[in-house]
C-alpha atoms as a PDB file:
ATOM      1  CA  MET A   1      -9.006-238.331 -27.174  1.00  0.00           C
ATOM      2  CA  ILE A   2      -8.233-236.193 -30.191  1.00  0.00           C
ATOM      3  CA  VAL A   3      -5.137-234.042 -30.315  1.00  0.00           C
ATOM      4  CA  VAL A   4      -4.566-231.533 -33.078  1.00  0.00           C
ATOM      5  CA  ALA A   5      -1.108-230.094 -33.615  1.00  0.00           C
ATOM      6  CA  ALA A   6       0.425-227.786 -36.194  1.00  0.00           C
ATOM      7  CA  THR A   7       3.926-226.708 -37.113  1.00  0.00           C
ATOM      8  CA  ASN A   8       5.631-224.562 -39.707  1.00  0.00           C
ATOM      9  CA  HIS A   9       8.836-226.554 -39.221  1.00  0.00           C
ATOM     10  CA  ALA A  10       8.058-230.255 -39.581  1.00  0.00           C
ATOM     11  CA  GLU A  11      11.743-230.987 -40.132  1.00  0.00           C
ATOM     12  CA  LEU A  12      12.451-230.056 -36.512  1.00  0.00           C
ATOM     13  CA  LEU A  13      10.178-232.740 -35.064  1.00  0.00           C
ATOM     14  CA  ASP A  14      11.729-236.099 -34.221  1.00  0.00           C
ATOM     15  CA  ARG A  15      10.450-239.527 -35.284  1.00  0.00           C
ATOM     16  CA  ALA A  16       8.823-240.169 -31.907  1.00  0.00           C
ATOM     17  CA  VAL A  17       6.444-237.263 -32.467  1.00  0.00           C
ATOM     18  CA  TRP A  18       5.590-238.431 -35.966  1.00  0.00           C
ATOM     19  CA  ARG A  19       4.854-241.993 -34.774  1.00  0.00           C
ATOM     20  CA  ARG A  20       2.111-240.629 -32.540  1.00  0.00           C
ATOM     21  CA  MET A  21       0.345-238.787 -35.353  1.00  0.00           C
ATOM     22  CA  GLN A  22      -2.162-240.949 -37.213  1.00  0.00           C
ATOM     23  CA  LEU A  23      -3.111-238.357 -39.795  1.00  0.00           C
ATOM     24  CA  ARG A  24      -0.835-235.749 -41.350  1.00  0.00           C
ATOM     25  CA  LEU A  25      -2.020-232.922 -43.541  1.00  0.00           C
ATOM     26  CA  ILE A  26       0.313-230.710 -45.510  1.00  0.00           C
ATOM     27  CA  LEU A  27      -1.374-227.403 -46.193  1.00  0.00           C
ATOM     28  CA  PRO A  28      -0.337-225.408 -49.251  1.00  0.00           C
ATOM     29  CA  GLN A  29       1.295-221.996 -48.927  1.00  0.00           C
ATOM     30  CA  ALA A  30      -1.046-219.030 -49.043  1.00  0.00           C
ATOM     31  CA  THR A  31      -1.766-217.889 -52.611  1.00  0.00           C
ATOM     32  CA  ARG A  32      -2.061-214.271 -53.687  1.00  0.00           C
ATOM     33  CA  ALA A  33      -5.849-214.662 -53.976  1.00  0.00           C
ATOM     34  CA  GLY A  34      -6.010-216.281 -50.538  1.00  0.00           C
ATOM     35  CA  LYS A  35      -3.961-213.512 -48.956  1.00  0.00           C
ATOM     36  CA  VAL A  36      -6.095-210.827 -50.610  1.00  0.00           C
ATOM     37  CA  GLU A  37      -9.254-212.554 -49.374  1.00  0.00           C
ATOM     38  CA  TRP A  38      -7.810-212.804 -45.848  1.00  0.00           C
ATOM     39  CA  LEU A  39      -6.829-209.102 -45.895  1.00  0.00           C
ATOM     40  CA  ASN A  40     -10.341-208.157 -47.087  1.00  0.00           C
ATOM     41  CA  ALA A  41     -11.911-210.129 -44.237  1.00  0.00           C
ATOM     42  CA  TRP A  42      -9.483-208.690 -41.679  1.00  0.00           C
ATOM     43  CA  THR A  43     -10.124-205.110 -42.827  1.00  0.00           C
ATOM     44  CA  GLU A  44     -13.880-205.674 -42.669  1.00  0.00           C
ATOM     45  CA  ARG A  45     -13.661-207.246 -39.197  1.00  0.00           C
ATOM     46  CA  VAL A  46     -11.228-204.754 -37.645  1.00  0.00           C
ATOM     47  CA  GLY A  47     -12.218-201.636 -39.575  1.00  0.00           C
ATOM     48  CA  LEU A  48      -8.650-200.538 -40.322  1.00  0.00           C
ATOM     49  CA  ASP A  49      -7.645-200.128 -43.951  1.00  0.00           C
ATOM     50  CA  PHE A  50      -3.993-200.426 -44.975  1.00  0.00           C
ATOM     51  CA  GLY A  51      -3.984-197.373 -47.244  1.00  0.00           C
ATOM     52  CA  LEU A  52      -2.767-199.636 -50.081  1.00  0.00           C
ATOM     53  CA  THR A  53      -4.679-202.184 -52.104  1.00  0.00           C
ATOM     54  CA  HIS A  54      -4.726-205.632 -50.588  1.00  0.00           C
ATOM     55  CA  ARG A  55      -3.170-206.976 -53.775  1.00  0.00           C
ATOM     56  CA  THR A  56      -0.238-204.573 -53.368  1.00  0.00           C
ATOM     57  CA  VAL A  57       0.233-205.571 -49.732  1.00  0.00           C
ATOM     58  CA  SER A  58       0.064-209.255 -50.685  1.00  0.00           C
ATOM     59  CA  ASP A  59       2.617-208.848 -53.479  1.00  0.00           C
ATOM     60  CA  ARG A  60       5.025-206.861 -51.320  1.00  0.00           C
ATOM     61  CA  LEU A  61       4.880-209.417 -48.513  1.00  0.00           C
ATOM     62  CA  GLY A  62       5.753-212.273 -50.865  1.00  0.00           C
ATOM     63  CA  ALA A  63       5.638-215.909 -49.780  1.00  0.00           C
ATOM     64  CA  ILE A  64       4.297-215.866 -46.228  1.00  0.00           C
ATOM     65  CA  SER A  65       1.894-218.009 -44.240  1.00  0.00           C
ATOM     66  CA  TYR A  66      -1.493-216.913 -42.986  1.00  0.00           C
ATOM     67  CA  ALA A  67      -0.042-216.768 -39.471  1.00  0.00           C
ATOM     68  CA  GLU A  68       2.623-214.344 -40.692  1.00  0.00           C
ATOM     69  CA  LEU A  69      -0.017-212.358 -42.579  1.00  0.00           C
ATOM     70  CA  GLU A  70      -1.966-211.957 -39.341  1.00  0.00           C
ATOM     71  CA  GLU A  71       1.215-210.897 -37.547  1.00  0.00           C
ATOM     72  CA  PHE A  72       1.811-208.256 -40.239  1.00  0.00           C
ATOM     73  CA  ALA A  73      -1.764-206.952 -39.944  1.00  0.00           C
ATOM     74  CA  LEU A  74      -1.448-206.766 -36.162  1.00  0.00           C
ATOM     75  CA  ASP A  75       1.851-204.865 -36.524  1.00  0.00           C
ATOM     76  CA  VAL A  76       0.077-202.257 -38.665  1.00  0.00           C
ATOM     77  CA  GLN A  77      -2.847-202.105 -36.230  1.00  0.00           C
ATOM     78  CA  ARG A  78      -0.556-201.618 -33.217  1.00  0.00           C
ATOM     79  CA  GLN A  79       1.349-198.805 -34.915  1.00  0.00           C
ATOM     80  CA  ALA A  80      -1.900-197.111 -35.932  1.00  0.00           C
ATOM     81  CA  ILE A  81      -3.160-197.230 -32.349  1.00  0.00           C
ATOM     82  CA  LEU A  82       0.111-195.889 -30.978  1.00  0.00           C
ATOM     83  CA  ARG A  83       0.093-192.942 -33.381  1.00  0.00           C
ATOM     84  CA  GLY A  84      -3.183-191.524 -32.147  1.00  0.00           C
ATOM     85  CA  PRO A  85      -6.701-190.860 -33.341  1.00  0.00           C
ATOM     86  CA  GLU A  86      -5.924-189.990 -36.984  1.00  0.00           C
ATOM     87  CA  PRO A  87      -2.880-191.984 -38.067  1.00  0.00           C
ATOM     88  CA  ASN A  88      -1.591-192.018 -41.647  1.00  0.00           C
ATOM     89  CA  VAL A  89      -2.184-195.725 -42.179  1.00  0.00           C
ATOM     90  CA  ARG A  90      -0.638-195.693 -45.657  1.00  0.00           C
ATOM     91  CA  ASP A  91       2.672-194.479 -44.193  1.00  0.00           C
ATOM     92  CA  ILE A  92       2.425-196.981 -41.355  1.00  0.00           C
ATOM     93  CA  THR A  93       1.771-199.832 -43.790  1.00  0.00           C
ATOM     94  CA  GLY A  94       4.758-198.758 -45.897  1.00  0.00           C
ATOM     95  CA  GLN A  95       6.993-198.633 -42.833  1.00  0.00           C
ATOM     96  CA  VAL A  96       5.887-202.062 -41.618  1.00  0.00           C
ATOM     97  CA  LEU A  97       6.354-203.504 -45.126  1.00  0.00           C
ATOM     98  CA  ARG A  98       9.932-202.162 -45.142  1.00  0.00           C
ATOM     99  CA  GLN A  99      10.569-203.713 -41.725  1.00  0.00           C
ATOM    100  CA  TRP A 100       9.216-207.061 -42.935  1.00  0.00           C
ATOM    101  CA  SER A 101      11.367-206.836 -46.061  1.00  0.00           C
ATOM    102  CA  GLU A 102      14.488-206.169 -43.978  1.00  0.00           C
ATOM    103  CA  ARG A 103      13.561-209.031 -41.673  1.00  0.00           C
ATOM    104  CA  ALA A 104      13.215-211.375 -44.662  1.00  0.00           C
ATOM    105  CA  GLU A 105      16.613-210.281 -46.010  1.00  0.00           C
ATOM    106  CA  LEU A 106      18.213-211.098 -42.654  1.00  0.00           C
ATOM    107  CA  GLY A 107      16.441-214.450 -42.525  1.00  0.00           C
ATOM    108  CA  ALA A 108      14.898-213.631 -39.161  1.00  0.00           C
ATOM    109  CA  PRO A 109      11.853-215.549 -37.898  1.00  0.00           C
END
């Protein structure tokens, strides 16, 4: 049997969990280039542009994981859907970036 597990908070796992893991990989944080590439692929797959360059979005989000990057993109997508057939995606992206910035300042998950 093979079990694959992942966590963003390894420090919260106790020794018993670690004893059961034969192989541990520490993945590096997403780089700017990696985030831009991910945003390009997401935009191509989903068909929703952010109204800002992917480099700008990446820089404004700062140090986040790919999971958080996907959460951000989904936040923008949800807001665009809720605003109707012709949403101003640039404004939506700016609003979501501000929300993420405020969340980071508060230290929220």
